């Protein structure tokens, strides 16, 4: 039986309470199978000959008060094919545990610590997960940044024996979803790509640009800045007026159209200014 080769990391940010999972796998659309998260409860990564039921069942057990180690004992105890499974779990307190069945293909294993669990199978060796654990603990930035950095470190250390195909990054935080209406903060998947981690990294950059920007400077809409933006909007056939320094209703309408057309409605400033990263994006749109 051919088993998907996968390495993943489940992590928690103790400052924000975010829970997340990042994975890379030589398996089509692995992001649809491996990660399972519930804000305020925990995260479960199920892989190898994955049992997708480990996700909802594991979260149910965590919500009932079982710790990650106890949860794994319950999951594997209920599963006659447990020897083929691999799973990593972290709870909302940062406690973690992992399990690698004896029938998982070499190299297979896991490393756990406070706020993280790293696991992988059909790897070139232990170096892959060691690099991932080290990167997660040593790198800075948001939870999403650190999870992605862990994937990059694992791939640089050798990754999987069978290569790459799919990657995913999922992060939950309470009311972190679109419009604050769900807990699903980030949910990005690369289902089939020769370099899925690189593609995932570019998608995360787009996520920050559209929905959750890093700290950026605000550029005032006046003087030469205003003239430049009028030229850029005119180049996109959005602004037909004069290239001057007047903050006219015609210009305001053109800028508003740009924001909505490019899906920046979550980031429209209230003052007469534009975020620097959006201005740079507008510059790149120049034909």
C-alpha atoms as a PDB file:
ATOM      1  CA  UNK A   1       0.000   0.000   0.000  1.00  0.00           C
ATOM      2  CA  UNK A   2       1.400   3.392  -1.020  1.00  0.00           C
ATOM      3  CA  UNK A   3       1.212   5.837   1.851  1.00  0.00           C
ATOM      4  CA  UNK A   4       1.350   9.622   1.582  1.00  0.00           C
ATOM      5  CA  UNK A   5       4.560  11.133   2.883  1.00  0.00           C
ATOM      6  CA  UNK A   6       3.989  14.170   5.056  1.00  0.00           C
ATOM      7  CA  UNK A   7       5.642  16.460   7.536  1.00  0.00           C
ATOM      8  CA  UNK A   8       3.671  18.893   9.647  1.00  0.00           C
ATOM      9  CA  UNK A   9       3.807  21.160  12.655  1.00  0.00           C
ATOM     10  CA  UNK A  10       1.018  22.064  15.045  1.00  0.00           C
ATOM     11  CA  UNK A  11       1.704  25.193  17.062  1.00  0.00           C
ATOM     12  CA  UNK A  12       0.300  27.696  19.513  1.00  0.00           C
ATOM     13  CA  UNK A  13       1.072  31.351  20.166  1.00  0.00           C
ATOM     14  CA  UNK A  14       0.804  31.934  23.923  1.00  0.00           C
ATOM     15  CA  UNK A  15       0.497  35.701  23.409  1.00  0.00           C
ATOM     16  CA  UNK A  16      -2.483  35.651  21.039  1.00  0.00           C
ATOM     17  CA  UNK A  17      -3.972  32.234  21.794  1.00  0.00           C
ATOM     18  CA  UNK A  18      -3.790  31.350  18.099  1.00  0.00           C
ATOM     19  CA  UNK A  19      -3.608  27.678  17.138  1.00  0.00           C
ATOM     20  CA  UNK A  20      -2.266  26.568  13.775  1.00  0.00           C
ATOM     21  CA  UNK A  21      -0.992  23.765  11.579  1.00  0.00           C
ATOM     22  CA  UNK A  22       1.350  23.857   8.582  1.00  0.00           C
ATOM     23  CA  UNK A  23       1.987  20.834   6.374  1.00  0.00           C
ATOM     24  CA  UNK A  24       3.856  19.705   3.264  1.00  0.00           C
ATOM     25  CA  UNK A  25       3.075  16.386   1.615  1.00  0.00           C
ATOM     26  CA  UNK A  26       3.708  14.298  -1.488  1.00  0.00           C
ATOM     27  CA  UNK A  27      -0.048  13.810  -1.637  1.00  0.00           C
ATOM     28  CA  UNK A  28      -2.662  15.708  -3.621  1.00  0.00           C
ATOM     29  CA  UNK A  29      -4.646  18.259  -1.569  1.00  0.00           C
ATOM     30  CA  UNK A  30      -3.192  17.078   1.741  1.00  0.00           C
ATOM     31  CA  UNK A  31      -4.531  20.258   3.320  1.00  0.00           C
ATOM     32  CA  UNK A  32      -8.026  18.822   3.005  1.00  0.00           C
ATOM     33  CA  UNK A  33      -7.130  15.855   5.229  1.00  0.00           C
ATOM     34  CA  UNK A  34      -4.368  16.613   7.720  1.00  0.00           C
ATOM     35  CA  UNK A  35      -5.275  19.794   9.699  1.00  0.00           C
ATOM     36  CA  UNK A  36      -8.135  20.032  12.214  1.00  0.00           C
ATOM     37  CA  UNK A  37      -8.390  23.005  14.602  1.00  0.00           C
ATOM     38  CA  UNK A  38     -10.875  24.517  17.025  1.00  0.00           C
ATOM     39  CA  UNK A  39     -10.179  27.885  18.619  1.00  0.00           C
ATOM     40  CA  UNK A  40      -9.841  27.683  22.382  1.00  0.00           C
ATOM     41  CA  UNK A  41      -9.568  23.884  22.219  1.00  0.00           C
ATOM     42  CA  UNK A  42      -6.631  22.586  20.205  1.00  0.00           C
ATOM     43  CA  UNK A  43      -5.167  21.382  16.918  1.00  0.00           C
ATOM     44  CA  UNK A  44      -4.826  17.877  15.498  1.00  0.00           C
ATOM     45  CA  UNK A  45      -2.622  16.868  12.539  1.00  0.00           C
ATOM     46  CA  UNK A  46      -3.488  13.381  11.260  1.00  0.00           C
ATOM     47  CA  UNK A  47      -1.202  11.809   8.652  1.00  0.00           C
ATOM     48  CA  UNK A  48       0.713   8.747   7.344  1.00  0.00           C
ATOM     49  CA  UNK A  49      -2.164   6.381   6.462  1.00  0.00           C
ATOM     50  CA  UNK A  50      -4.280   9.208   7.792  1.00  0.00           C
ATOM     51  CA  UNK A  51      -7.467   8.603   9.723  1.00  0.00           C
ATOM     52  CA  UNK A  52      -9.495  11.789   9.092  1.00  0.00           C
ATOM     53  CA  UNK A  53     -11.762  10.895  12.012  1.00  0.00           C
ATOM     54  CA  UNK A  54      -8.846  11.613  14.355  1.00  0.00           C
ATOM     55  CA  UNK A  55      -9.484  15.322  13.720  1.00  0.00           C
ATOM     56  CA  UNK A  56     -13.044  15.834  14.945  1.00  0.00           C
ATOM     57  CA  UNK A  57     -12.770  13.028  17.491  1.00  0.00           C
ATOM     58  CA  UNK A  58      -9.516  14.421  18.860  1.00  0.00           C
ATOM     59  CA  UNK A  59     -10.971  17.920  19.210  1.00  0.00           C
ATOM     60  CA  UNK A  60     -14.011  16.465  20.927  1.00  0.00           C
ATOM     61  CA  UNK A  61     -11.800  14.705  23.475  1.00  0.00           C
ATOM     62  CA  UNK A  62      -9.704  17.834  24.071  1.00  0.00           C
ATOM     63  CA  UNK A  63     -12.888  19.832  24.647  1.00  0.00           C
ATOM     64  CA  UNK A  64     -13.952  17.253  27.212  1.00  0.00           C
ATOM     65  CA  UNK A  65     -10.761  17.865  29.196  1.00  0.00           C
ATOM     66  CA  UNK A  66      -8.430  15.133  27.985  1.00  0.00           C
ATOM     67  CA  UNK A  67      -4.820  16.233  27.585  1.00  0.00           C
ATOM     68  CA  UNK A  68      -3.056  15.571  24.235  1.00  0.00           C
ATOM     69  CA  UNK A  69      -1.377  12.386  25.479  1.00  0.00           C
ATOM     70  CA  UNK A  70      -4.661  11.005  26.791  1.00  0.00           C
ATOM     71  CA  UNK A  71      -6.400  12.019  23.580  1.00  0.00           C
ATOM     72  CA  UNK A  72      -3.903  10.055  21.504  1.00  0.00           C
ATOM     73  CA  UNK A  73      -4.326   7.031  23.751  1.00  0.00           C
ATOM     74  CA  UNK A  74      -8.085   7.182  23.201  1.00  0.00           C
ATOM     75  CA  UNK A  75      -7.772   7.672  19.440  1.00  0.00           C
ATOM     76  CA  UNK A  76      -5.337   4.837  18.883  1.00  0.00           C
ATOM     77  CA  UNK A  77      -7.205   2.595  21.325  1.00  0.00           C
ATOM     78  CA  UNK A  78     -10.340   2.975  19.219  1.00  0.00           C
ATOM     79  CA  UNK A  79      -8.534   2.315  15.914  1.00  0.00           C
ATOM     80  CA  UNK A  80      -7.582  -1.222  14.802  1.00  0.00           C
ATOM     81  CA  UNK A  81      -5.192   0.238  12.204  1.00  0.00           C
ATOM     82  CA  UNK A  82      -3.387   2.503  14.675  1.00  0.00           C
ATOM     83  CA  UNK A  83       0.021   1.066  13.717  1.00  0.00           C
ATOM     84  CA  UNK A  84      -0.258   2.818  10.335  1.00  0.00           C
ATOM     85  CA  UNK A  85      -1.200   6.212  11.786  1.00  0.00           C
ATOM     86  CA  UNK A  86       0.739   9.291  12.735  1.00  0.00           C
ATOM     87  CA  UNK A  87      -0.749  12.177  14.674  1.00  0.00           C
ATOM     88  CA  UNK A  88       0.406  15.334  16.434  1.00  0.00           C
ATOM     89  CA  UNK A  89      -1.763  17.256  18.903  1.00  0.00           C
ATOM     90  CA  UNK A  90      -1.509  20.516  20.801  1.00  0.00           C
ATOM     91  CA  UNK A  91      -4.129  21.933  23.152  1.00  0.00           C
ATOM     92  CA  UNK A  92      -5.095  25.494  24.035  1.00  0.00           C
ATOM     93  CA  UNK A  93      -2.732  25.424  27.025  1.00  0.00           C
ATOM     94  CA  UNK A  94       0.278  24.602  24.858  1.00  0.00           C
ATOM     95  CA  UNK A  95       0.540  20.969  25.958  1.00  0.00           C
ATOM     96  CA  UNK A  96       1.549  18.648  23.121  1.00  0.00           C
ATOM     97  CA  UNK A  97       1.912  14.980  22.227  1.00  0.00           C
ATOM     98  CA  UNK A  98       2.539  12.900  19.121  1.00  0.00           C
ATOM     99  CA  UNK A  99       2.260   9.287  18.006  1.00  0.00           C
ATOM    100  CA  UNK A 100       3.999   7.384  15.226  1.00  0.00           C
ATOM    101  CA  UNK A 101       2.720   3.878  14.546  1.00  0.00           C
ATOM    102  CA  UNK A 102       5.255   1.105  14.082  1.00  0.00           C
ATOM    103  CA  UNK A 103       4.039   0.454  10.524  1.00  0.00           C
ATOM    104  CA  UNK A 104       4.759   4.021   9.348  1.00  0.00           C
ATOM    105  CA  UNK A 105       7.449   4.019   6.666  1.00  0.00           C
ATOM    106  CA  UNK A 106      10.979   5.176   7.408  1.00  0.00           C
ATOM    107  CA  UNK A 107      12.044   7.669   8.349  1.00  0.00           C
ATOM    108  CA  UNK A 108       9.157   8.461  10.657  1.00  0.00           C
ATOM    109  CA  UNK A 109       9.064  10.198  14.020  1.00  0.00           C
ATOM    110  CA  UNK A 110       8.114  13.269  16.002  1.00  0.00           C
ATOM    111  CA  UNK A 111       9.420  15.982  18.305  1.00  0.00           C
ATOM    112  CA  UNK A 112       7.169  17.712  20.830  1.00  0.00           C
ATOM    113  CA  UNK A 113       7.654  20.621  23.178  1.00  0.00           C
ATOM    114  CA  UNK A 114       5.787  23.433  24.829  1.00  0.00           C
ATOM    115  CA  UNK A 115       3.470  25.019  22.244  1.00  0.00           C
ATOM    116  CA  UNK A 116       4.420  22.739  19.334  1.00  0.00           C
ATOM    117  CA  UNK A 117       4.362  19.227  17.911  1.00  0.00           C
ATOM    118  CA  UNK A 118       6.336  18.292  14.793  1.00  0.00           C
ATOM    119  CA  UNK A 119       5.884  14.978  12.992  1.00  0.00           C
ATOM    120  CA  UNK A 120       6.802  13.387   9.677  1.00  0.00           C
ATOM    121  CA  UNK A 121       6.965  10.147   7.759  1.00  0.00           C
ATOM    122  CA  UNK A 122       8.888   8.871   4.704  1.00  0.00           C
ATOM    123  CA  UNK A 123      11.436  11.579   5.430  1.00  0.00           C
ATOM    124  CA  UNK A 124      15.101  11.646   4.442  1.00  0.00           C
ATOM    125  CA  UNK A 125      15.830  11.468   8.172  1.00  0.00           C
ATOM    126  CA  UNK A 126      15.327  13.029  11.573  1.00  0.00           C
ATOM    127  CA  UNK A 127      17.047  16.196  10.364  1.00  0.00           C
ATOM    128  CA  UNK A 128      13.800  17.345   8.749  1.00  0.00           C
ATOM    129  CA  UNK A 129      11.754  17.527  11.932  1.00  0.00           C
ATOM    130  CA  UNK A 130      14.733  18.678  14.035  1.00  0.00           C
ATOM    131  CA  UNK A 131      15.132  21.691  11.740  1.00  0.00           C
ATOM    132  CA  UNK A 132      11.414  22.390  11.925  1.00  0.00           C
ATOM    133  CA  UNK A 133      11.322  22.304  15.713  1.00  0.00           C
ATOM    134  CA  UNK A 134      14.371  24.532  15.950  1.00  0.00           C
ATOM    135  CA  UNK A 135      13.000  27.086  13.487  1.00  0.00           C
ATOM    136  CA  UNK A 136       9.647  27.304  15.246  1.00  0.00           C
ATOM    137  CA  UNK A 137      11.307  27.938  18.605  1.00  0.00           C
ATOM    138  CA  UNK A 138      13.967  30.362  17.372  1.00  0.00           C
ATOM    139  CA  UNK A 139      12.267  32.432  14.654  1.00  0.00           C
ATOM    140  CA  UNK A 140      10.185  35.520  15.377  1.00  0.00           C
ATOM    141  CA  UNK A 141       6.975  36.879  13.941  1.00  0.00           C
ATOM    142  CA  UNK A 142       3.368  35.789  13.983  1.00  0.00           C
ATOM    143  CA  UNK A 143       2.318  32.177  14.477  1.00  0.00           C
ATOM    144  CA  UNK A 144       1.660  31.877  10.741  1.00  0.00           C
ATOM    145  CA  UNK A 145       5.148  33.208   9.972  1.00  0.00           C
ATOM    146  CA  UNK A 146       6.801  30.762  12.353  1.00  0.00           C
ATOM    147  CA  UNK A 147       4.825  27.776  11.092  1.00  0.00           C
ATOM    148  CA  UNK A 148       5.793  28.626   7.528  1.00  0.00           C
ATOM    149  CA  UNK A 149       9.423  29.130   8.546  1.00  0.00           C
ATOM    150  CA  UNK A 150       9.338  25.676  10.108  1.00  0.00           C
ATOM    151  CA  UNK A 151       8.171  24.155   6.817  1.00  0.00           C
ATOM    152  CA  UNK A 152      10.896  25.996   4.934  1.00  0.00           C
ATOM    153  CA  UNK A 153      13.518  24.777   7.394  1.00  0.00           C
ATOM    154  CA  UNK A 154      12.283  21.200   7.120  1.00  0.00           C
ATOM    155  CA  UNK A 155      12.475  21.265   3.344  1.00  0.00           C
ATOM    156  CA  UNK A 156      15.938  22.830   3.424  1.00  0.00           C
ATOM    157  CA  UNK A 157      17.069  20.021   5.740  1.00  0.00           C
ATOM    158  CA  UNK A 158      15.960  17.395   3.231  1.00  0.00           C
ATOM    159  CA  UNK A 159      12.201  17.138   3.520  1.00  0.00           C
ATOM    160  CA  UNK A 160      10.576  13.962   2.269  1.00  0.00           C
ATOM    161  CA  UNK A 161      12.087  11.129   0.285  1.00  0.00           C
ATOM    162  CA  UNK A 162       9.390  11.327  -2.380  1.00  0.00           C
ATOM    163  CA  UNK A 163       9.542  15.087  -2.888  1.00  0.00           C
ATOM    164  CA  UNK A 164       6.888  17.791  -2.790  1.00  0.00           C
ATOM    165  CA  UNK A 165       3.341  18.267  -4.051  1.00  0.00           C
ATOM    166  CA  UNK A 166       0.953  20.016  -1.649  1.00  0.00           C
ATOM    167  CA  UNK A 167       1.149  22.381   1.311  1.00  0.00           C
ATOM    168  CA  UNK A 168      -1.256  24.120   3.645  1.00  0.00           C
ATOM    169  CA  UNK A 169      -1.343  26.678   6.435  1.00  0.00           C
ATOM    170  CA  UNK A 170      -4.328  26.959   8.788  1.00  0.00           C
ATOM    171  CA  UNK A 171      -4.553  29.291  11.802  1.00  0.00           C
ATOM    172  CA  UNK A 172      -7.527  29.813  14.105  1.00  0.00           C
ATOM    173  CA  UNK A 173      -8.133  32.541  16.636  1.00  0.00           C
ATOM    174  CA  UNK A 174     -11.341  33.626  18.289  1.00  0.00           C
ATOM    175  CA  UNK A 175     -13.310  35.903  15.956  1.00  0.00           C
ATOM    176  CA  UNK A 176     -10.280  36.082  13.681  1.00  0.00           C
ATOM    177  CA  UNK A 177     -12.164  35.153  10.510  1.00  0.00           C
ATOM    178  CA  UNK A 178     -13.506  37.423   7.793  1.00  0.00           C
ATOM    179  CA  UNK A 179     -15.576  40.183   9.358  1.00  0.00           C
ATOM    180  CA  UNK A 180     -14.946  38.687  12.799  1.00  0.00           C
ATOM    181  CA  UNK A 181     -17.755  36.204  12.168  1.00  0.00           C
ATOM    182  CA  UNK A 182     -15.766  32.947  12.467  1.00  0.00           C
ATOM    183  CA  UNK A 183     -12.597  31.716  14.182  1.00  0.00           C
ATOM    184  CA  UNK A 184     -10.867  30.609  10.960  1.00  0.00           C
ATOM    185  CA  UNK A 185      -8.210  33.300  10.588  1.00  0.00           C
ATOM    186  CA  UNK A 186      -5.982  31.813   7.859  1.00  0.00           C
ATOM    187  CA  UNK A 187      -6.819  28.889   5.579  1.00  0.00           C
ATOM    188  CA  UNK A 188      -4.414  28.641   2.631  1.00  0.00           C
ATOM    189  CA  UNK A 189      -3.829  25.553   0.478  1.00  0.00           C
ATOM    190  CA  UNK A 190      -1.593  24.627  -2.411  1.00  0.00           C
ATOM    191  CA  UNK A 191      -3.050  21.398  -3.757  1.00  0.00           C
ATOM    192  CA  UNK A 192      -0.648  20.481  -6.579  1.00  0.00           C
ATOM    193  CA  UNK A 193       2.581  22.361  -7.262  1.00  0.00           C
ATOM    194  CA  UNK A 194       6.227  21.356  -7.744  1.00  0.00           C
ATOM    195  CA  UNK A 195       7.262  23.933  -5.113  1.00  0.00           C
ATOM    196  CA  UNK A 196       4.239  24.174  -2.808  1.00  0.00           C
ATOM    197  CA  UNK A 197       6.003  25.825   0.142  1.00  0.00           C
ATOM    198  CA  UNK A 198       7.219  28.706  -2.002  1.00  0.00           C
ATOM    199  CA  UNK A 199       3.737  29.126  -3.424  1.00  0.00           C
ATOM    200  CA  UNK A 200       2.261  29.009   0.080  1.00  0.00           C
ATOM    201  CA  UNK A 201       4.666  31.742   1.173  1.00  0.00           C
ATOM    202  CA  UNK A 202       3.527  34.042  -1.632  1.00  0.00           C
ATOM    203  CA  UNK A 203      -0.105  33.332  -0.757  1.00  0.00           C
ATOM    204  CA  UNK A 204       0.554  34.303   2.872  1.00  0.00           C
ATOM    205  CA  UNK A 205       2.035  37.597   1.663  1.00  0.00           C
ATOM    206  CA  UNK A 206      -1.178  38.219  -0.279  1.00  0.00           C
ATOM    207  CA  UNK A 207      -3.254  37.367   2.785  1.00  0.00           C
ATOM    208  CA  UNK A 208      -1.405  39.984   4.822  1.00  0.00           C
ATOM    209  CA  UNK A 209      -1.819  42.511   2.000  1.00  0.00           C
ATOM    210  CA  UNK A 210      -5.573  41.992   1.709  1.00  0.00           C
ATOM    211  CA  UNK A 211      -6.743  41.160   5.198  1.00  0.00           C
ATOM    212  CA  UNK A 212      -4.219  41.379   8.014  1.00  0.00           C
ATOM    213  CA  UNK A 213      -1.350  43.708   7.220  1.00  0.00           C
ATOM    214  CA  UNK A 214       1.890  43.826   9.073  1.00  0.00           C
ATOM    215  CA  UNK A 215       2.704  47.264  10.492  1.00  0.00           C
ATOM    216  CA  UNK A 216       3.201  49.618   7.549  1.00  0.00           C
ATOM    217  CA  UNK A 217       3.690  53.344   7.034  1.00  0.00           C
ATOM    218  CA  UNK A 218       0.748  55.472   5.921  1.00  0.00           C
ATOM    219  CA  UNK A 219       1.440  57.757   2.955  1.00  0.00           C
ATOM    220  CA  UNK A 220      -0.420  61.106   2.981  1.00  0.00           C
ATOM    221  CA  UNK A 221      -2.529  61.833  -0.095  1.00  0.00           C
ATOM    222  CA  UNK A 222      -1.057  65.236  -0.846  1.00  0.00           C
ATOM    223  CA  UNK A 223       1.621  66.880  -2.938  1.00  0.00           C
ATOM    224  CA  UNK A 224       3.731  64.649  -5.175  1.00  0.00           C
ATOM    225  CA  UNK A 225       2.178  61.525  -3.627  1.00  0.00           C
ATOM    226  CA  UNK A 226      -1.267  62.623  -4.769  1.00  0.00           C
ATOM    227  CA  UNK A 227      -0.019  63.376  -8.273  1.00  0.00           C
ATOM    228  CA  UNK A 228       1.657  59.977  -8.505  1.00  0.00           C
ATOM    229  CA  UNK A 229      -1.455  58.112  -7.393  1.00  0.00           C
ATOM    230  CA  UNK A 230      -3.604  60.045  -9.859  1.00  0.00           C
ATOM    231  CA  UNK A 231      -1.218  58.995 -12.618  1.00  0.00           C
ATOM    232  CA  UNK A 232      -1.339  55.382 -11.484  1.00  0.00           C
ATOM    233  CA  UNK A 233      -5.145  55.373 -11.362  1.00  0.00           C
ATOM    234  CA  UNK A 234      -5.292  57.065 -14.737  1.00  0.00           C
ATOM    235  CA  UNK A 235      -3.041  54.333 -16.109  1.00  0.00           C
ATOM    236  CA  UNK A 236      -5.663  51.819 -14.938  1.00  0.00           C
ATOM    237  CA  UNK A 237      -8.418  53.817 -16.651  1.00  0.00           C
ATOM    238  CA  UNK A 238      -9.984  54.636 -13.281  1.00  0.00           C
ATOM    239  CA  UNK A 239      -9.258  58.356 -13.092  1.00  0.00           C
ATOM    240  CA  UNK A 240      -9.908  60.645 -16.101  1.00  0.00           C
ATOM    241  CA  UNK A 241      -9.174  63.951 -14.389  1.00  0.00           C
ATOM    242  CA  UNK A 242      -6.167  66.299 -14.264  1.00  0.00           C
ATOM    243  CA  UNK A 243      -2.858  65.279 -12.647  1.00  0.00           C
ATOM    244  CA  UNK A 244      -2.754  67.926  -9.957  1.00  0.00           C
ATOM    245  CA  UNK A 245      -2.671  68.160  -6.152  1.00  0.00           C
ATOM    246  CA  UNK A 246      -6.391  68.637  -5.577  1.00  0.00           C
ATOM    247  CA  UNK A 247      -8.165  65.989  -3.473  1.00  0.00           C
ATOM    248  CA  UNK A 248     -11.216  66.123  -5.692  1.00  0.00           C
ATOM    249  CA  UNK A 249     -14.469  64.104  -5.527  1.00  0.00           C
ATOM    250  CA  UNK A 250     -13.508  62.610  -8.895  1.00  0.00           C
ATOM    251  CA  UNK A 251     -10.230  61.347  -7.435  1.00  0.00           C
ATOM    252  CA  UNK A 252     -11.930  60.030  -4.300  1.00  0.00           C
ATOM    253  CA  UNK A 253     -14.360  58.031  -6.430  1.00  0.00           C
ATOM    254  CA  UNK A 254     -11.515  56.601  -8.520  1.00  0.00           C
ATOM    255  CA  UNK A 255      -9.533  55.579  -5.445  1.00  0.00           C
ATOM    256  CA  UNK A 256     -12.609  53.995  -3.865  1.00  0.00           C
ATOM    257  CA  UNK A 257     -13.215  52.034  -7.067  1.00  0.00           C
ATOM    258  CA  UNK A 258      -9.625  50.784  -6.962  1.00  0.00           C
ATOM    259  CA  UNK A 259      -9.981  49.600  -3.356  1.00  0.00           C
ATOM    260  CA  UNK A 260     -13.147  47.663  -4.090  1.00  0.00           C
ATOM    261  CA  UNK A 261     -11.987  46.265  -7.413  1.00  0.00           C
ATOM    262  CA  UNK A 262      -8.803  44.904  -5.839  1.00  0.00           C
ATOM    263  CA  UNK A 263     -10.541  43.515  -2.709  1.00  0.00           C
ATOM    264  CA  UNK A 264      -9.009  46.010  -0.280  1.00  0.00           C
ATOM    265  CA  UNK A 265     -12.336  46.920   1.348  1.00  0.00           C
ATOM    266  CA  UNK A 266     -11.033  45.603   4.690  1.00  0.00           C
ATOM    267  CA  UNK A 267      -8.216  48.172   4.619  1.00  0.00           C
ATOM    268  CA  UNK A 268      -9.749  51.437   3.385  1.00  0.00           C
ATOM    269  CA  UNK A 269      -8.267  54.213   5.585  1.00  0.00           C
ATOM    270  CA  UNK A 270     -10.531  56.757   7.225  1.00  0.00           C
ATOM    271  CA  UNK A 271      -8.015  59.575   6.747  1.00  0.00           C
ATOM    272  CA  UNK A 272      -6.553  61.049   3.565  1.00  0.00           C
ATOM    273  CA  UNK A 273      -3.730  58.547   3.307  1.00  0.00           C
ATOM    274  CA  UNK A 274      -2.885  55.198   1.727  1.00  0.00           C
ATOM    275  CA  UNK A 275      -1.020  52.224   3.254  1.00  0.00           C
ATOM    276  CA  UNK A 276       2.469  51.962   1.800  1.00  0.00           C
ATOM    277  CA  UNK A 277       2.088  48.289   0.857  1.00  0.00           C
ATOM    278  CA  UNK A 278      -1.098  49.047  -1.097  1.00  0.00           C
ATOM    279  CA  UNK A 279       0.664  51.932  -2.851  1.00  0.00           C
ATOM    280  CA  UNK A 280       3.469  49.549  -3.821  1.00  0.00           C
ATOM    281  CA  UNK A 281       0.858  47.121  -5.114  1.00  0.00           C
ATOM    282  CA  UNK A 282      -0.687  49.921  -7.165  1.00  0.00           C
ATOM    283  CA  UNK A 283       2.741  50.772  -8.587  1.00  0.00           C
ATOM    284  CA  UNK A 284       3.193  47.176  -9.716  1.00  0.00           C
ATOM    285  CA  UNK A 285      -0.128  47.371 -11.585  1.00  0.00           C
ATOM    286  CA  UNK A 286       1.372  49.983 -13.935  1.00  0.00           C
ATOM    287  CA  UNK A 287       1.009  48.645 -17.452  1.00  0.00           C
END
